[in-house]
Amino acid sequence: MGCLSIGWLESILIDIVIIVAVVAIIRLFLPWFFSQVGLGDGGIILRVINIIVWAIVVIFVIIIVFSLLSCLVGGAGPIHLFPR
């Protein structure tokens, strides 16, 4: 699959949807989990996990941006976050 093709764009969009879905599931699941364990609402632990999750999302965004830049400059080709 070449750079800046329809297939590449489809792959990137699917990767973005997967990342957003995983983040949404984690954000929904963690408060319930902490209440079941007996930690109340989770407080500071939930905030720390939220920061870590968003840091991972930003890393994925940086990978996507540099993949796009390498395609534009004629580098090694696209990087796939979730190989198919």
C-alpha atoms as a PDB file:
ATOM      1  CA  MET A   1       0.000   0.000   0.000  1.00  0.00           C
ATOM      2  CA  GLY A   2       1.594   3.267  -1.118  1.00  0.00           C
ATOM      3  CA  CYS A   3       1.787   6.568   0.647  1.00  0.00           C
ATOM      4  CA  LEU A   4      -1.175   8.913   0.367  1.00  0.00           C
ATOM      5  CA  SER A   5      -3.361   6.325  -1.346  1.00  0.00           C
ATOM      6  CA  ILE A   6      -6.982   5.605  -0.533  1.00  0.00           C
ATOM      7  CA  GLY A   7      -5.948   2.371   1.168  1.00  0.00           C
ATOM      8  CA  TRP A   8      -3.413   4.192   3.340  1.00  0.00           C
ATOM      9  CA  LEU A   9      -6.006   6.801   4.314  1.00  0.00           C
ATOM     10  CA  GLU A  10      -8.479   4.035   5.157  1.00  0.00           C
ATOM     11  CA  SER A  11      -5.861   2.318   7.319  1.00  0.00           C
ATOM     12  CA  ILE A  12      -5.050   5.521   9.216  1.00  0.00           C
ATOM     13  CA  LEU A  13      -8.742   6.308   9.794  1.00  0.00           C
ATOM     14  CA  ILE A  14      -9.392   2.783  11.082  1.00  0.00           C
ATOM     15  CA  ASP A  15      -6.401   3.100  13.440  1.00  0.00           C
ATOM     16  CA  ILE A  16      -7.739   6.433  14.741  1.00  0.00           C
ATOM     17  CA  VAL A  17     -11.201   4.950  15.352  1.00  0.00           C
ATOM     18  CA  ILE A  18      -9.660   2.012  17.231  1.00  0.00           C
ATOM     19  CA  ILE A  19      -7.611   4.348  19.433  1.00  0.00           C
ATOM     20  CA  VAL A  20     -10.587   6.603  20.227  1.00  0.00           C
ATOM     21  CA  ALA A  21     -12.790   3.578  20.998  1.00  0.00           C
ATOM     22  CA  VAL A  22     -10.216   2.073  23.362  1.00  0.00           C
ATOM     23  CA  VAL A  23      -9.803   5.398  25.189  1.00  0.00           C
ATOM     24  CA  ALA A  24     -13.586   5.778  25.522  1.00  0.00           C
ATOM     25  CA  ILE A  25     -13.964   2.238  26.871  1.00  0.00           C
ATOM     26  CA  ILE A  26     -11.172   2.782  29.390  1.00  0.00           C
ATOM     27  CA  ARG A  27     -12.676   6.067  30.557  1.00  0.00           C
ATOM     28  CA  LEU A  28     -16.085   4.391  31.021  1.00  0.00           C
ATOM     29  CA  PHE A  29     -14.755   1.255  32.688  1.00  0.00           C
ATOM     30  CA  LEU A  30     -12.309   2.703  35.225  1.00  0.00           C
ATOM     31  CA  PRO A  31     -14.780   4.532  37.535  1.00  0.00           C
ATOM     32  CA  TRP A  32     -16.937   1.406  37.709  1.00  0.00           C
ATOM     33  CA  PHE A  33     -13.874  -0.757  38.410  1.00  0.00           C
ATOM     34  CA  PHE A  34     -12.672   1.495  41.223  1.00  0.00           C
ATOM     35  CA  SER A  35     -16.110   1.515  42.839  1.00  0.00           C
ATOM     36  CA  GLN A  36     -16.211  -2.313  42.698  1.00  0.00           C
ATOM     37  CA  VAL A  37     -12.743  -2.610  44.248  1.00  0.00           C
ATOM     38  CA  GLY A  38     -13.725  -0.264  47.039  1.00  0.00           C
ATOM     39  CA  LEU A  39     -11.621   2.757  46.190  1.00  0.00           C
ATOM     40  CA  GLY A  40     -14.623   5.058  45.894  1.00  0.00           C
ATOM     41  CA  ASP A  41     -14.448   7.124  42.725  1.00  0.00           C
ATOM     42  CA  GLY A  42     -10.732   6.448  42.217  1.00  0.00           C
ATOM     43  CA  GLY A  43      -9.733  10.079  42.702  1.00  0.00           C
ATOM     44  CA  ILE A  44      -6.069  10.612  42.007  1.00  0.00           C
ATOM     45  CA  ILE A  45      -5.548   7.122  40.556  1.00  0.00           C
ATOM     46  CA  LEU A  46      -8.174   7.797  37.904  1.00  0.00           C
ATOM     47  CA  ARG A  47      -6.545  11.119  37.028  1.00  0.00           C
ATOM     48  CA  VAL A  48      -3.108   9.505  36.712  1.00  0.00           C
ATOM     49  CA  ILE A  49      -4.461   6.740  34.469  1.00  0.00           C
ATOM     50  CA  ASN A  50      -6.294   9.351  32.389  1.00  0.00           C
ATOM     51  CA  ILE A  51      -3.039  11.281  31.875  1.00  0.00           C
ATOM     52  CA  ILE A  52      -1.218   8.093  30.879  1.00  0.00           C
ATOM     53  CA  VAL A  53      -3.948   7.133  28.391  1.00  0.00           C
ATOM     54  CA  TRP A  54      -3.867  10.562  26.764  1.00  0.00           C
ATOM     55  CA  ALA A  55      -0.051  10.477  26.638  1.00  0.00           C
ATOM     56  CA  ILE A  56      -0.299   7.202  24.705  1.00  0.00           C
ATOM     57  CA  VAL A  57      -2.861   8.777  22.346  1.00  0.00           C
ATOM     58  CA  VAL A  58      -0.522  11.723  21.725  1.00  0.00           C
ATOM     59  CA  ILE A  59       2.318   9.300  20.958  1.00  0.00           C
ATOM     60  CA  PHE A  60       0.091   7.585  18.366  1.00  0.00           C
ATOM     61  CA  VAL A  61      -0.764  10.978  16.859  1.00  0.00           C
ATOM     62  CA  ILE A  62       2.944  11.818  16.611  1.00  0.00           C
ATOM     63  CA  ILE A  63       3.572   8.478  14.883  1.00  0.00           C
ATOM     64  CA  ILE A  64       0.796   9.222  12.391  1.00  0.00           C
ATOM     65  CA  VAL A  65       2.082  12.750  11.707  1.00  0.00           C
ATOM     66  CA  PHE A  66       5.634  11.564  11.117  1.00  0.00           C
ATOM     67  CA  SER A  67       4.354   8.727   8.935  1.00  0.00           C
ATOM     68  CA  LEU A  68       2.539  11.301   6.834  1.00  0.00           C
ATOM     69  CA  LEU A  69       5.635  13.506   6.685  1.00  0.00           C
ATOM     70  CA  SER A  70       7.805  10.568   5.609  1.00  0.00           C
ATOM     71  CA  CYS A  71       5.328   9.843   2.820  1.00  0.00           C
ATOM     72  CA  LEU A  72       5.405  13.451   1.649  1.00  0.00           C
ATOM     73  CA  VAL A  73       9.207  13.650   1.688  1.00  0.00           C
ATOM     74  CA  GLY A  74       9.613  10.243   0.064  1.00  0.00           C
ATOM     75  CA  GLY A  75      10.948   8.331   3.026  1.00  0.00           C
ATOM     76  CA  ALA A  76      10.635   4.692   3.944  1.00  0.00           C
ATOM     77  CA  GLY A  77       6.867   4.559   3.611  1.00  0.00           C
ATOM     78  CA  PRO A  78       3.911   4.505   5.948  1.00  0.00           C
ATOM     79  CA  ILE A  79       4.050   3.139   9.472  1.00  0.00           C
ATOM     80  CA  HIS A  80       1.069   0.994  10.424  1.00  0.00           C
ATOM     81  CA  LEU A  81       0.042   1.146  14.070  1.00  0.00           C
ATOM     82  CA  PHE A  82      -1.958  -2.070  13.873  1.00  0.00           C
ATOM     83  CA  PRO A  83      -0.577  -4.247  11.052  1.00  0.00           C
ATOM     84  CA  ARG A  84      -3.183  -6.145   9.099  1.00  0.00           C
END
